[in-house]
Amino acid sequence: MASNKILVIDDTTVVRVKVREMLPPGNFEVLEAKDGVEGLNFILQEKLSLIMLDFLLPKMSGWEVFQKVQADPELRKIPLVIMSGRKEEVTEKITEPFEYFEFLGKPFDQKQLIGAIKLAMAKAKQPRPELVSVGAGVSVKNSTLSTSAVANGTVVAPSVATSNVATPSTGGVSEAEINALNEKIVKMQAEIDGLKKQLTQVVTFIKQKIK
């Protein structure tokens, strides 16, 4: 019984068969998906040891599958190899260096395939910051801009939780004081929203400069 499952998501049968044949004999099972929707279903239903994801797929693109995987704290721990015949298709969406997954250009040979899998597994073990998706192509940690993590399309923003503000008890606290605290929370959230917009503008500017 295979203990490790490798999922190959590619709309080309030749590529899926090629990967299966190039993998060395071992204690694993190869699953195949021909489009993004089928691939995502496998990812959600199976306990996978590795995902090999073509970037251009029918029904749901590899980019969309990648985003959904990265948005899940557990799924993004799975080693990932993104495949494409044109690397620029990937770098248009995800800025290098690729920190948490490995890229494999098509066509590839067995040595390149095995090397990409090993690197993907090593990268998947790296500690990652907690991410809060805000729909922006930027990652920020401790309010410091990090262009190397643009890949995740997320922002690690200072959170505004009511736990950060002393929760007033009903005894000895006036309604005015409670309202004042609520206003402070709203103001802090507005400042953070403004910061997110500024960061998005900065990253857009940087990406234009490095093209």
N, C-alpha and C. Protein backbone atom coordinates (compact mmCIF):
# COMPACT_ATOMS: atom_id res chain seq x y z
N MET A 1 0.85 -1.20 0.00
CA MET A 1 0.00 0.00 0.00
C MET A 1 0.88 1.25 0.00
N ALA A 2 0.61 2.15 -0.96
CA ALA A 2 1.41 3.37 -1.05
C ALA A 2 1.08 4.31 0.09
N SER A 3 2.12 4.82 0.74
CA SER A 3 1.90 5.72 1.87
C SER A 3 1.99 7.18 1.45
N ASN A 4 2.60 7.44 0.29
CA ASN A 4 2.76 8.81 -0.19
C ASN A 4 2.01 8.98 -1.51
N LYS A 5 1.23 10.07 -1.59
CA LYS A 5 0.48 10.35 -2.82
C LYS A 5 1.01 11.62 -3.49
N ILE A 6 1.33 11.49 -4.77
CA ILE A 6 1.80 12.62 -5.57
C ILE A 6 0.71 12.96 -6.58
N LEU A 7 0.27 14.20 -6.58
CA LEU A 7 -0.76 14.65 -7.51
C LEU A 7 -0.13 15.43 -8.65
N VAL A 8 -0.41 15.00 -9.89
CA VAL A 8 0.08 15.70 -11.08
C VAL A 8 -1.13 16.33 -11.77
N ILE A 9 -1.17 17.66 -11.78
CA ILE A 9 -2.28 18.39 -12.40
C ILE A 9 -1.78 19.01 -13.71
N ASP A 10 -2.17 18.45 -14.83
CA ASP A 10 -1.73 18.93 -16.15
C ASP A 10 -2.76 18.50 -17.19
N ASP A 11 -3.09 19.40 -18.11
CA ASP A 11 -4.10 19.06 -19.12
C ASP A 11 -3.53 18.24 -20.27
N THR A 12 -2.22 18.00 -20.27
CA THR A 12 -1.59 17.21 -21.32
C THR A 12 -1.28 15.81 -20.79
N THR A 13 -1.88 14.82 -21.43
CA THR A 13 -1.68 13.43 -21.01
C THR A 13 -0.21 13.04 -21.05
N VAL A 14 0.50 13.50 -22.09
CA VAL A 14 1.92 13.17 -22.25
C VAL A 14 2.72 13.59 -21.03
N VAL A 15 2.45 14.78 -20.51
CA VAL A 15 3.19 15.29 -19.35
C VAL A 15 2.88 14.45 -18.12
N ARG A 16 1.62 14.12 -17.92
CA ARG A 16 1.25 13.32 -16.74
C ARG A 16 1.92 11.95 -16.78
N VAL A 17 1.91 11.33 -17.97
CA VAL A 17 2.55 10.02 -18.12
C VAL A 17 4.06 10.13 -17.95
N LYS A 18 4.61 11.21 -18.48
CA LYS A 18 6.06 11.44 -18.40
C LYS A 18 6.51 11.55 -16.94
N VAL A 19 5.77 12.30 -16.14
CA VAL A 19 6.10 12.44 -14.72
C VAL A 19 6.03 11.08 -14.03
N ARG A 20 4.96 10.34 -14.30
CA ARG A 20 4.78 9.03 -13.68
C ARG A 20 5.95 8.10 -14.00
N GLU A 21 6.38 8.10 -15.27
CA GLU A 21 7.45 7.21 -15.70
C GLU A 21 8.82 7.63 -15.18
N MET A 22 9.01 8.95 -14.99
CA MET A 22 10.31 9.45 -14.54
C MET A 22 10.52 9.29 -13.03
N LEU A 23 9.44 9.20 -12.29
CA LEU A 23 9.59 9.06 -10.84
C LEU A 23 10.22 7.70 -10.53
N PRO A 24 11.20 7.69 -9.66
CA PRO A 24 11.84 6.41 -9.30
C PRO A 24 10.88 5.50 -8.55
N PRO A 25 11.06 4.19 -8.66
CA PRO A 25 10.18 3.26 -7.94
C PRO A 25 10.24 3.55 -6.44
N GLY A 26 9.08 3.59 -5.82
CA GLY A 26 9.06 3.90 -4.39
C GLY A 26 7.71 3.63 -3.79
N ASN A 27 7.58 3.94 -2.54
CA ASN A 27 6.36 3.69 -1.80
C ASN A 27 5.40 4.87 -1.94
N PHE A 28 4.94 5.11 -3.20
CA PHE A 28 4.02 6.21 -3.41
C PHE A 28 3.04 5.89 -4.54
N GLU A 29 1.99 6.69 -4.59
CA GLU A 29 0.94 6.54 -5.60
C GLU A 29 0.82 7.86 -6.35
N VAL A 30 0.71 7.77 -7.68
CA VAL A 30 0.58 8.97 -8.50
C VAL A 30 -0.88 9.16 -8.89
N LEU A 31 -1.43 10.32 -8.54
CA LEU A 31 -2.79 10.69 -8.93
C LEU A 31 -2.71 11.70 -10.06
N GLU A 32 -3.66 11.66 -10.99
CA GLU A 32 -3.63 12.55 -12.15
C GLU A 32 -4.92 13.36 -12.25
N ALA A 33 -4.76 14.65 -12.58
CA ALA A 33 -5.91 15.52 -12.81
C ALA A 33 -5.66 16.29 -14.11
N LYS A 34 -6.70 16.43 -14.93
CA LYS A 34 -6.52 17.05 -16.25
C LYS A 34 -6.95 18.51 -16.31
N ASP A 35 -7.48 19.04 -15.21
CA ASP A 35 -7.85 20.45 -15.17
C ASP A 35 -7.79 20.95 -13.72
N GLY A 36 -7.92 22.25 -13.56
CA GLY A 36 -7.78 22.85 -12.24
C GLY A 36 -8.85 22.43 -11.25
N VAL A 37 -10.09 22.29 -11.72
CA VAL A 37 -11.20 21.91 -10.84
C VAL A 37 -10.99 20.50 -10.29
N GLU A 38 -10.64 19.58 -11.20
CA GLU A 38 -10.39 18.20 -10.77
C GLU A 38 -9.19 18.14 -9.82
N GLY A 39 -8.17 18.93 -10.13
CA GLY A 39 -6.98 18.96 -9.29
C GLY A 39 -7.28 19.48 -7.89
N LEU A 40 -8.06 20.56 -7.81
CA LEU A 40 -8.40 21.13 -6.50
C LEU A 40 -9.22 20.14 -5.67
N ASN A 41 -10.11 19.40 -6.33
CA ASN A 41 -10.90 18.39 -5.62
C ASN A 41 -9.99 17.34 -4.99
N PHE A 42 -8.97 16.89 -5.74
CA PHE A 42 -8.01 15.93 -5.21
C PHE A 42 -7.29 16.53 -3.99
N ILE A 43 -6.88 17.80 -4.13
CA ILE A 43 -6.13 18.47 -3.05
C ILE A 43 -6.96 18.53 -1.77
N LEU A 44 -8.27 18.78 -1.94
CA LEU A 44 -9.15 18.92 -0.78
C LEU A 44 -9.51 17.56 -0.17
N GLN A 45 -9.52 16.52 -0.99
CA GLN A 45 -10.01 15.22 -0.52
C GLN A 45 -8.90 14.25 -0.10
N GLU A 46 -7.72 14.36 -0.73
CA GLU A 46 -6.66 13.40 -0.49
C GLU A 46 -5.59 13.95 0.46
N LYS A 47 -4.90 13.05 1.11
CA LYS A 47 -3.75 13.45 1.95
C LYS A 47 -2.51 13.32 1.06
N LEU A 48 -2.02 14.46 0.55
CA LEU A 48 -0.97 14.46 -0.46
C LEU A 48 0.41 14.74 0.13
N SER A 49 1.41 14.13 -0.49
CA SER A 49 2.81 14.37 -0.10
C SER A 49 3.48 15.37 -1.03
N LEU A 50 2.89 15.59 -2.22
CA LEU A 50 3.46 16.52 -3.20
C LEU A 50 2.41 16.88 -4.23
N ILE A 51 2.42 18.15 -4.66
CA ILE A 51 1.55 18.60 -5.75
C ILE A 51 2.42 19.12 -6.88
N MET A 52 2.17 18.61 -8.10
CA MET A 52 2.83 19.14 -9.30
C MET A 52 1.74 19.82 -10.11
N LEU A 53 1.86 21.14 -10.26
CA LEU A 53 0.77 21.96 -10.79
C LEU A 53 1.18 22.71 -12.06
N ASP A 54 0.50 22.40 -13.16
CA ASP A 54 0.70 23.16 -14.40
C ASP A 54 0.07 24.53 -14.21
N PHE A 55 0.73 25.59 -14.69
CA PHE A 55 0.24 26.95 -14.43
C PHE A 55 -0.94 27.32 -15.32
N LEU A 56 -1.00 26.76 -16.53
CA LEU A 56 -2.09 27.07 -17.45
C LEU A 56 -2.98 25.84 -17.58
N LEU A 57 -4.19 25.93 -17.05
CA LEU A 57 -5.11 24.80 -17.03
C LEU A 57 -6.51 25.23 -17.46
N PRO A 58 -7.31 24.30 -18.02
CA PRO A 58 -8.70 24.61 -18.32
C PRO A 58 -9.56 24.57 -17.06
N LYS A 59 -10.74 25.18 -17.15
CA LYS A 59 -11.76 25.23 -16.08
C LYS A 59 -11.32 26.09 -14.90
N MET A 60 -10.14 25.86 -14.37
CA MET A 60 -9.57 26.69 -13.31
C MET A 60 -8.07 26.71 -13.51
N SER A 61 -7.50 27.91 -13.65
CA SER A 61 -6.07 28.01 -13.95
C SER A 61 -5.21 27.56 -12.78
N GLY A 62 -3.95 27.25 -13.09
CA GLY A 62 -3.01 26.88 -12.05
C GLY A 62 -2.82 28.02 -11.05
N TRP A 63 -2.89 29.24 -11.53
CA TRP A 63 -2.76 30.42 -10.67
C TRP A 63 -3.90 30.45 -9.65
N GLU A 64 -5.13 30.14 -10.10
CA GLU A 64 -6.28 30.12 -9.19
C GLU A 64 -6.15 29.00 -8.16
N VAL A 65 -5.70 27.83 -8.63
CA VAL A 65 -5.50 26.70 -7.72
C VAL A 65 -4.44 27.07 -6.68
N PHE A 66 -3.35 27.69 -7.15
CA PHE A 66 -2.26 28.12 -6.27
C PHE A 66 -2.78 29.05 -5.18
N GLN A 67 -3.59 30.03 -5.56
CA GLN A 67 -4.14 30.99 -4.60
C GLN A 67 -5.00 30.30 -3.54
N LYS A 68 -5.83 29.35 -3.98
CA LYS A 68 -6.70 28.64 -3.04
C LYS A 68 -5.88 27.79 -2.07
N VAL A 69 -4.81 27.18 -2.57
CA VAL A 69 -3.95 26.37 -1.72
C VAL A 69 -3.24 27.25 -0.69
N GLN A 70 -2.72 28.40 -1.15
CA GLN A 70 -1.99 29.29 -0.26
C GLN A 70 -2.88 29.92 0.80
N ALA A 71 -4.18 29.99 0.52
CA ALA A 71 -5.11 30.62 1.47
C ALA A 71 -5.48 29.68 2.61
N ASP A 72 -5.11 28.40 2.49
CA ASP A 72 -5.42 27.43 3.53
C ASP A 72 -4.17 27.10 4.33
N PRO A 73 -4.18 27.32 5.65
CA PRO A 73 -2.98 27.10 6.48
C PRO A 73 -2.42 25.69 6.40
N GLU A 74 -3.29 24.69 6.18
CA GLU A 74 -2.82 23.30 6.11
C GLU A 74 -2.37 22.93 4.70
N LEU A 75 -3.15 23.31 3.69
CA LEU A 75 -2.83 22.94 2.31
C LEU A 75 -1.51 23.55 1.84
N ARG A 76 -1.20 24.75 2.31
CA ARG A 76 0.02 25.40 1.84
C ARG A 76 1.29 24.76 2.40
N LYS A 77 1.12 23.80 3.33
CA LYS A 77 2.27 23.07 3.87
C LYS A 77 2.70 21.94 2.93
N ILE A 78 1.84 21.59 1.97
CA ILE A 78 2.15 20.48 1.05
C ILE A 78 3.23 20.96 0.06
N PRO A 79 4.32 20.20 -0.12
CA PRO A 79 5.34 20.57 -1.10
C PRO A 79 4.72 20.77 -2.48
N LEU A 80 5.15 21.83 -3.17
CA LEU A 80 4.52 22.21 -4.44
C LEU A 80 5.56 22.49 -5.52
N VAL A 81 5.33 21.91 -6.70
CA VAL A 81 6.15 22.19 -7.88
C VAL A 81 5.22 22.78 -8.94
N ILE A 82 5.50 24.02 -9.36
CA ILE A 82 4.71 24.64 -10.43
C ILE A 82 5.43 24.42 -11.76
N MET A 83 4.68 23.95 -12.76
CA MET A 83 5.25 23.66 -14.08
C MET A 83 4.71 24.62 -15.13
N SER A 84 5.58 25.01 -16.06
CA SER A 84 5.15 25.87 -17.16
C SER A 84 6.20 25.85 -18.27
N GLY A 85 5.74 26.01 -19.49
CA GLY A 85 6.66 26.09 -20.62
C GLY A 85 7.28 27.47 -20.75
N ARG A 86 6.68 28.44 -20.09
CA ARG A 86 7.20 29.82 -20.13
C ARG A 86 7.24 30.36 -18.70
N LYS A 87 8.43 30.55 -18.21
CA LYS A 87 8.59 30.99 -16.83
C LYS A 87 7.98 32.37 -16.61
N GLU A 88 8.00 33.22 -17.65
CA GLU A 88 7.46 34.57 -17.49
C GLU A 88 5.97 34.56 -17.18
N GLU A 89 5.26 33.49 -17.59
CA GLU A 89 3.84 33.38 -17.25
C GLU A 89 3.66 33.28 -15.74
N VAL A 90 4.61 32.64 -15.09
CA VAL A 90 4.56 32.49 -13.64
C VAL A 90 5.02 33.77 -12.95
N THR A 91 6.15 34.33 -13.41
CA THR A 91 6.71 35.51 -12.75
C THR A 91 5.85 36.76 -12.94
N GLU A 92 4.94 36.74 -13.92
CA GLU A 92 4.00 37.85 -14.06
C GLU A 92 3.05 37.90 -12.86
N LYS A 93 2.78 36.72 -12.28
CA LYS A 93 1.86 36.63 -11.14
C LYS A 93 2.60 36.51 -9.81
N ILE A 94 3.73 35.79 -9.83
CA ILE A 94 4.45 35.49 -8.60
C ILE A 94 5.90 35.94 -8.74
N THR A 95 6.33 36.85 -7.91
CA THR A 95 7.67 37.42 -8.01
C THR A 95 8.72 36.46 -7.43
N GLU A 96 9.84 36.36 -8.14
CA GLU A 96 10.97 35.58 -7.62
C GLU A 96 11.67 36.36 -6.50
N PRO A 97 12.43 35.70 -5.64
CA PRO A 97 12.64 34.25 -5.59
C PRO A 97 11.43 33.52 -5.05
N PHE A 98 11.22 32.31 -5.56
CA PHE A 98 10.10 31.49 -5.11
C PHE A 98 10.47 30.87 -3.77
N GLU A 99 9.90 31.37 -2.71
CA GLU A 99 10.32 30.98 -1.35
C GLU A 99 9.76 29.64 -0.88
N TYR A 100 8.51 29.36 -1.24
CA TYR A 100 7.84 28.21 -0.62
C TYR A 100 7.44 27.12 -1.62
N PHE A 101 7.79 27.28 -2.89
CA PHE A 101 7.55 26.24 -3.87
C PHE A 101 8.68 26.26 -4.89
N GLU A 102 8.75 25.22 -5.73
CA GLU A 102 9.80 25.15 -6.74
C GLU A 102 9.18 25.25 -8.13
N PHE A 103 9.91 25.87 -9.06
CA PHE A 103 9.46 25.99 -10.45
C PHE A 103 10.18 24.97 -11.32
N LEU A 104 9.43 24.33 -12.23
CA LEU A 104 10.00 23.37 -13.17
C LEU A 104 9.57 23.75 -14.58
N GLY A 105 10.56 24.13 -15.40
CA GLY A 105 10.26 24.53 -16.77
C GLY A 105 10.04 23.32 -17.67
N LYS A 106 9.15 23.48 -18.63
CA LYS A 106 8.90 22.44 -19.62
C LYS A 106 9.68 22.77 -20.90
N PRO A 107 10.19 21.77 -21.61
CA PRO A 107 10.25 20.35 -21.25
C PRO A 107 11.32 20.11 -20.18
N PHE A 108 11.24 18.99 -19.50
CA PHE A 108 12.20 18.68 -18.44
C PHE A 108 12.62 17.22 -18.54
N ASP A 109 13.79 16.93 -17.97
CA ASP A 109 14.26 15.55 -17.95
C ASP A 109 14.12 15.00 -16.53
N GLN A 110 14.50 13.75 -16.35
CA GLN A 110 14.32 13.10 -15.05
C GLN A 110 15.13 13.78 -13.96
N LYS A 111 16.35 14.19 -14.28
CA LYS A 111 17.20 14.84 -13.29
C LYS A 111 16.58 16.15 -12.81
N GLN A 112 16.03 16.92 -13.75
CA GLN A 112 15.40 18.20 -13.39
C GLN A 112 14.14 17.97 -12.56
N LEU A 113 13.39 16.93 -12.90
CA LEU A 113 12.17 16.60 -12.16
C LEU A 113 12.49 16.23 -10.71
N ILE A 114 13.43 15.32 -10.54
CA ILE A 114 13.80 14.88 -9.20
C ILE A 114 14.37 16.04 -8.38
N GLY A 115 15.19 16.87 -9.03
CA GLY A 115 15.77 18.04 -8.35
C GLY A 115 14.70 19.01 -7.88
N ALA A 116 13.69 19.25 -8.75
CA ALA A 116 12.60 20.17 -8.39
C ALA A 116 11.79 19.63 -7.21
N ILE A 117 11.54 18.33 -7.21
CA ILE A 117 10.77 17.71 -6.12
C ILE A 117 11.53 17.84 -4.79
N LYS A 118 12.83 17.59 -4.82
CA LYS A 118 13.63 17.69 -3.59
C LYS A 118 13.63 19.12 -3.06
N LEU A 119 13.78 20.10 -3.94
CA LEU A 119 13.78 21.50 -3.52
C LEU A 119 12.41 21.91 -2.98
N ALA A 120 11.36 21.43 -3.63
CA ALA A 120 10.00 21.76 -3.17
C ALA A 120 9.76 21.23 -1.76
N MET A 121 10.24 20.03 -1.51
CA MET A 121 10.07 19.45 -0.18
C MET A 121 10.86 20.20 0.89
N ALA A 122 12.05 20.67 0.50
CA ALA A 122 12.86 21.44 1.44
C ALA A 122 12.22 22.80 1.73
N LYS A 123 11.71 23.45 0.68
CA LYS A 123 11.10 24.77 0.85
C LYS A 123 9.81 24.70 1.68
N ALA A 124 9.09 23.59 1.55
CA ALA A 124 7.83 23.45 2.27
C ALA A 124 8.04 23.37 3.78
N LYS A 125 9.24 23.03 4.20
CA LYS A 125 9.54 22.90 5.63
C LYS A 125 9.90 24.23 6.28
N GLN A 126 10.10 25.28 5.46
CA GLN A 126 10.49 26.57 6.01
C GLN A 126 9.33 27.19 6.80
N PRO A 127 9.64 27.83 7.92
CA PRO A 127 8.58 28.50 8.70
C PRO A 127 7.98 29.64 7.91
N ARG A 128 6.68 29.79 8.03
CA ARG A 128 5.99 30.84 7.27
C ARG A 128 5.18 31.73 8.21
N PRO A 129 5.12 33.03 7.89
CA PRO A 129 4.33 33.95 8.72
C PRO A 129 2.85 33.69 8.54
N GLU A 130 2.08 34.06 9.55
CA GLU A 130 0.63 33.96 9.43
C GLU A 130 0.17 35.02 8.44
N LEU A 131 -0.69 34.61 7.51
CA LEU A 131 -1.10 35.52 6.46
C LEU A 131 -2.57 35.88 6.58
N VAL A 132 -2.87 37.16 6.31
CA VAL A 132 -4.25 37.63 6.30
C VAL A 132 -4.52 38.16 4.92
N SER A 133 -5.38 37.47 4.18
CA SER A 133 -5.64 37.85 2.79
C SER A 133 -6.43 39.15 2.72
N VAL A 134 -5.92 40.08 1.92
CA VAL A 134 -6.63 41.35 1.71
C VAL A 134 -6.77 41.64 0.23
N GLY A 135 -6.43 40.63 -0.60
CA GLY A 135 -6.58 40.79 -2.04
C GLY A 135 -5.52 41.67 -2.66
N ALA A 136 -4.42 41.89 -2.00
CA ALA A 136 -3.35 42.71 -2.55
C ALA A 136 -2.14 41.86 -2.81
N GLY A 137 -1.40 42.17 -3.88
CA GLY A 137 -0.22 41.39 -4.24
C GLY A 137 1.00 41.81 -3.46
N VAL A 138 0.97 41.67 -2.15
CA VAL A 138 2.08 42.11 -1.32
C VAL A 138 2.05 41.33 -0.02
N SER A 139 3.21 41.13 0.54
CA SER A 139 3.25 40.49 1.86
C SER A 139 4.05 41.39 2.79
N VAL A 140 3.50 41.64 3.95
CA VAL A 140 4.14 42.53 4.89
C VAL A 140 4.25 41.82 6.23
N LYS A 141 5.39 41.91 6.84
CA LYS A 141 5.58 41.30 8.15
C LYS A 141 6.06 42.39 9.10
N ASN A 142 5.35 42.53 10.20
CA ASN A 142 5.66 43.57 11.19
C ASN A 142 5.73 44.95 10.55
N SER A 143 4.80 45.20 9.64
CA SER A 143 4.67 46.49 8.95
C SER A 143 5.87 46.82 8.07
N THR A 144 6.72 45.84 7.73
CA THR A 144 7.86 46.07 6.86
C THR A 144 7.61 45.42 5.52
N LEU A 145 7.78 46.16 4.43
CA LEU A 145 7.50 45.66 3.09
C LEU A 145 8.47 44.57 2.71
N SER A 146 7.94 43.44 2.21
CA SER A 146 8.80 42.33 1.76
C SER A 146 8.38 41.94 0.35
N THR A 147 9.08 42.44 -0.65
CA THR A 147 8.72 42.15 -2.03
C THR A 147 8.97 40.70 -2.39
N SER A 148 9.81 39.99 -1.64
CA SER A 148 10.10 38.60 -1.96
C SER A 148 8.91 37.69 -1.69
N ALA A 149 7.91 38.17 -0.97
CA ALA A 149 6.76 37.32 -0.67
C ALA A 149 5.51 37.76 -1.41
N VAL A 150 5.69 38.45 -2.54
CA VAL A 150 4.56 38.88 -3.34
C VAL A 150 3.76 37.68 -3.81
N ALA A 151 4.44 36.52 -3.88
CA ALA A 151 3.81 35.31 -4.39
C ALA A 151 2.48 35.00 -3.74
N ASN A 152 2.35 35.27 -2.49
CA ASN A 152 1.18 34.81 -1.77
C ASN A 152 -0.03 35.72 -1.95
N GLY A 153 0.14 36.89 -2.54
CA GLY A 153 -0.98 37.80 -2.73
C GLY A 153 -1.67 38.14 -1.43
N THR A 154 -0.90 38.26 -0.38
CA THR A 154 -1.49 38.50 0.92
C THR A 154 -0.72 39.54 1.70
N VAL A 155 -1.34 40.04 2.73
CA VAL A 155 -0.69 41.02 3.58
C VAL A 155 -0.76 40.55 5.02
N VAL A 156 0.38 40.59 5.68
CA VAL A 156 0.38 40.34 7.11
C VAL A 156 0.26 41.70 7.77
N ALA A 157 -0.92 42.05 8.15
CA ALA A 157 -1.18 43.39 8.65
C ALA A 157 -1.38 43.37 10.16
N PRO A 158 -1.07 44.49 10.79
CA PRO A 158 -1.33 44.55 12.24
C PRO A 158 -2.82 44.35 12.47
N SER A 159 -3.17 43.45 13.31
CA SER A 159 -4.58 43.16 13.52
C SER A 159 -5.14 44.07 14.59
N VAL A 160 -6.39 44.43 14.38
CA VAL A 160 -7.07 45.23 15.39
C VAL A 160 -8.11 44.33 16.02
N ALA A 161 -7.84 43.87 17.20
CA ALA A 161 -8.78 42.99 17.90
C ALA A 161 -9.26 43.70 19.15
N THR A 162 -10.48 43.45 19.47
CA THR A 162 -11.02 44.13 20.65
C THR A 162 -10.29 43.69 21.90
N SER A 163 -9.57 42.54 21.79
CA SER A 163 -8.83 42.08 22.96
C SER A 163 -7.64 42.99 23.27
N ASN A 164 -7.24 43.80 22.27
CA ASN A 164 -6.12 44.70 22.49
C ASN A 164 -6.55 45.94 23.28
N VAL A 165 -7.84 46.12 23.36
CA VAL A 165 -8.36 47.26 24.10
C VAL A 165 -9.02 46.72 25.35
N ALA A 166 -8.70 47.29 26.47
CA ALA A 166 -9.27 46.81 27.73
C ALA A 166 -10.78 46.80 27.64
N THR A 167 -11.35 45.63 27.80
CA THR A 167 -12.80 45.52 27.71
C THR A 167 -13.42 46.09 28.98
N PRO A 168 -14.24 47.10 28.82
CA PRO A 168 -14.80 47.73 30.02
C PRO A 168 -15.85 46.84 30.67
N SER A 169 -15.83 46.77 31.97
CA SER A 169 -16.87 46.04 32.68
C SER A 169 -18.06 46.97 32.83
N THR A 170 -19.17 46.38 33.13
CA THR A 170 -20.38 47.20 33.23
C THR A 170 -20.37 48.09 34.47
N GLY A 171 -19.52 47.72 35.43
CA GLY A 171 -19.51 48.49 36.67
C GLY A 171 -18.50 49.62 36.64
N GLY A 172 -18.92 50.84 36.88
CA GLY A 172 -18.01 51.96 37.00
C GLY A 172 -17.51 52.55 35.70
N VAL A 173 -18.05 52.12 34.57
CA VAL A 173 -17.62 52.66 33.28
C VAL A 173 -18.83 53.28 32.59
N SER A 174 -18.69 54.53 32.19
CA SER A 174 -19.81 55.23 31.59
C SER A 174 -19.97 54.84 30.12
N GLU A 175 -21.12 55.10 29.58
CA GLU A 175 -21.40 54.81 28.17
C GLU A 175 -20.50 55.65 27.28
N ALA A 176 -20.20 56.86 27.73
CA ALA A 176 -19.33 57.75 26.96
C ALA A 176 -17.94 57.14 26.78
N GLU A 177 -17.44 56.52 27.85
CA GLU A 177 -16.11 55.90 27.79
C GLU A 177 -16.11 54.70 26.83
N ILE A 178 -17.19 53.94 26.87
CA ILE A 178 -17.32 52.80 25.96
C ILE A 178 -17.35 53.29 24.50
N ASN A 179 -18.11 54.33 24.25
CA ASN A 179 -18.19 54.89 22.90
C ASN A 179 -16.84 55.41 22.43
N ALA A 180 -16.09 56.01 23.37
CA ALA A 180 -14.76 56.53 23.03
C ALA A 180 -13.83 55.40 22.62
N LEU A 181 -13.91 54.28 23.34
CA LEU A 181 -13.09 53.11 22.99
C LEU A 181 -13.47 52.56 21.63
N ASN A 182 -14.76 52.50 21.35
CA ASN A 182 -15.22 52.01 20.05
C ASN A 182 -14.75 52.91 18.92
N GLU A 183 -14.75 54.20 19.17
CA GLU A 183 -14.29 55.15 18.15
C GLU A 183 -12.80 54.95 17.87
N LYS A 184 -12.03 54.66 18.93
CA LYS A 184 -10.59 54.42 18.76
C LYS A 184 -10.35 53.18 17.89
N ILE A 185 -11.15 52.14 18.12
CA ILE A 185 -11.02 50.91 17.33
C ILE A 185 -11.31 51.19 15.86
N VAL A 186 -12.38 51.93 15.59
CA VAL A 186 -12.74 52.27 14.21
C VAL A 186 -11.62 53.08 13.55
N LYS A 187 -11.06 54.03 14.31
CA LYS A 187 -9.99 54.87 13.78
C LYS A 187 -8.74 54.05 13.45
N MET A 188 -8.41 53.10 14.34
CA MET A 188 -7.24 52.24 14.12
C MET A 188 -7.43 51.38 12.87
N GLN A 189 -8.65 50.86 12.70
CA GLN A 189 -8.94 50.03 11.52
C GLN A 189 -8.81 50.86 10.24
N ALA A 190 -9.27 52.10 10.28
CA ALA A 190 -9.18 52.98 9.12
C ALA A 190 -7.72 53.26 8.77
N GLU A 191 -6.89 53.45 9.81
CA GLU A 191 -5.46 53.70 9.57
C GLU A 191 -4.80 52.48 8.94
N ILE A 192 -5.19 51.28 9.39
CA ILE A 192 -4.61 50.05 8.81
C ILE A 192 -5.05 49.89 7.36
N ASP A 193 -6.32 50.19 7.06
CA ASP A 193 -6.80 50.12 5.68
C ASP A 193 -6.01 51.06 4.78
N GLY A 194 -5.71 52.25 5.33
CA GLY A 194 -4.91 53.21 4.57
C GLY A 194 -3.51 52.69 4.32
N LEU A 195 -2.95 52.03 5.33
CA LEU A 195 -1.61 51.45 5.20
C LEU A 195 -1.57 50.38 4.11
N LYS A 196 -2.60 49.55 4.07
CA LYS A 196 -2.67 48.51 3.06
C LYS A 196 -2.67 49.11 1.65
N LYS A 197 -3.44 50.19 1.47
CA LYS A 197 -3.50 50.84 0.16
C LYS A 197 -2.13 51.41 -0.23
N GLN A 198 -1.45 52.02 0.73
CA GLN A 198 -0.13 52.58 0.47
C GLN A 198 0.86 51.49 0.08
N LEU A 199 0.79 50.35 0.77
CA LEU A 199 1.69 49.24 0.48
C LEU A 199 1.44 48.68 -0.92
N THR A 200 0.17 48.59 -1.30
CA THR A 200 -0.16 48.12 -2.64
C THR A 200 0.44 49.04 -3.70
N GLN A 201 0.35 50.36 -3.47
CA GLN A 201 0.90 51.33 -4.40
C GLN A 201 2.41 51.22 -4.49
N VAL A 202 3.06 50.99 -3.34
CA VAL A 202 4.51 50.86 -3.31
C VAL A 202 4.96 49.64 -4.10
N VAL A 203 4.28 48.52 -3.89
CA VAL A 203 4.65 47.29 -4.59
C VAL A 203 4.44 47.43 -6.09
N THR A 204 3.32 48.08 -6.49
CA THR A 204 3.06 48.31 -7.91
C THR A 204 4.19 49.14 -8.51
N PHE A 205 4.63 50.15 -7.79
CA PHE A 205 5.72 51.01 -8.26
C PHE A 205 7.01 50.21 -8.42
N ILE A 206 7.32 49.37 -7.40
CA ILE A 206 8.55 48.56 -7.44
C ILE A 206 8.51 47.58 -8.60
N LYS A 207 7.38 46.92 -8.80
CA LYS A 207 7.26 45.94 -9.89
C LYS A 207 7.44 46.60 -11.24
N GLN A 208 6.94 47.85 -11.39
CA GLN A 208 7.13 48.58 -12.65
C GLN A 208 8.59 48.91 -12.89
N LYS A 209 9.30 49.22 -11.80
CA LYS A 209 10.71 49.60 -11.91
C LYS A 209 11.60 48.42 -12.26
N ILE A 210 11.25 47.21 -11.77
CA ILE A 210 12.13 46.07 -11.98
C ILE A 210 11.79 45.30 -13.26
N LYS A 211 10.75 45.71 -13.97
CA LYS A 211 10.43 45.04 -15.24
C LYS A 211 11.51 45.36 -16.28
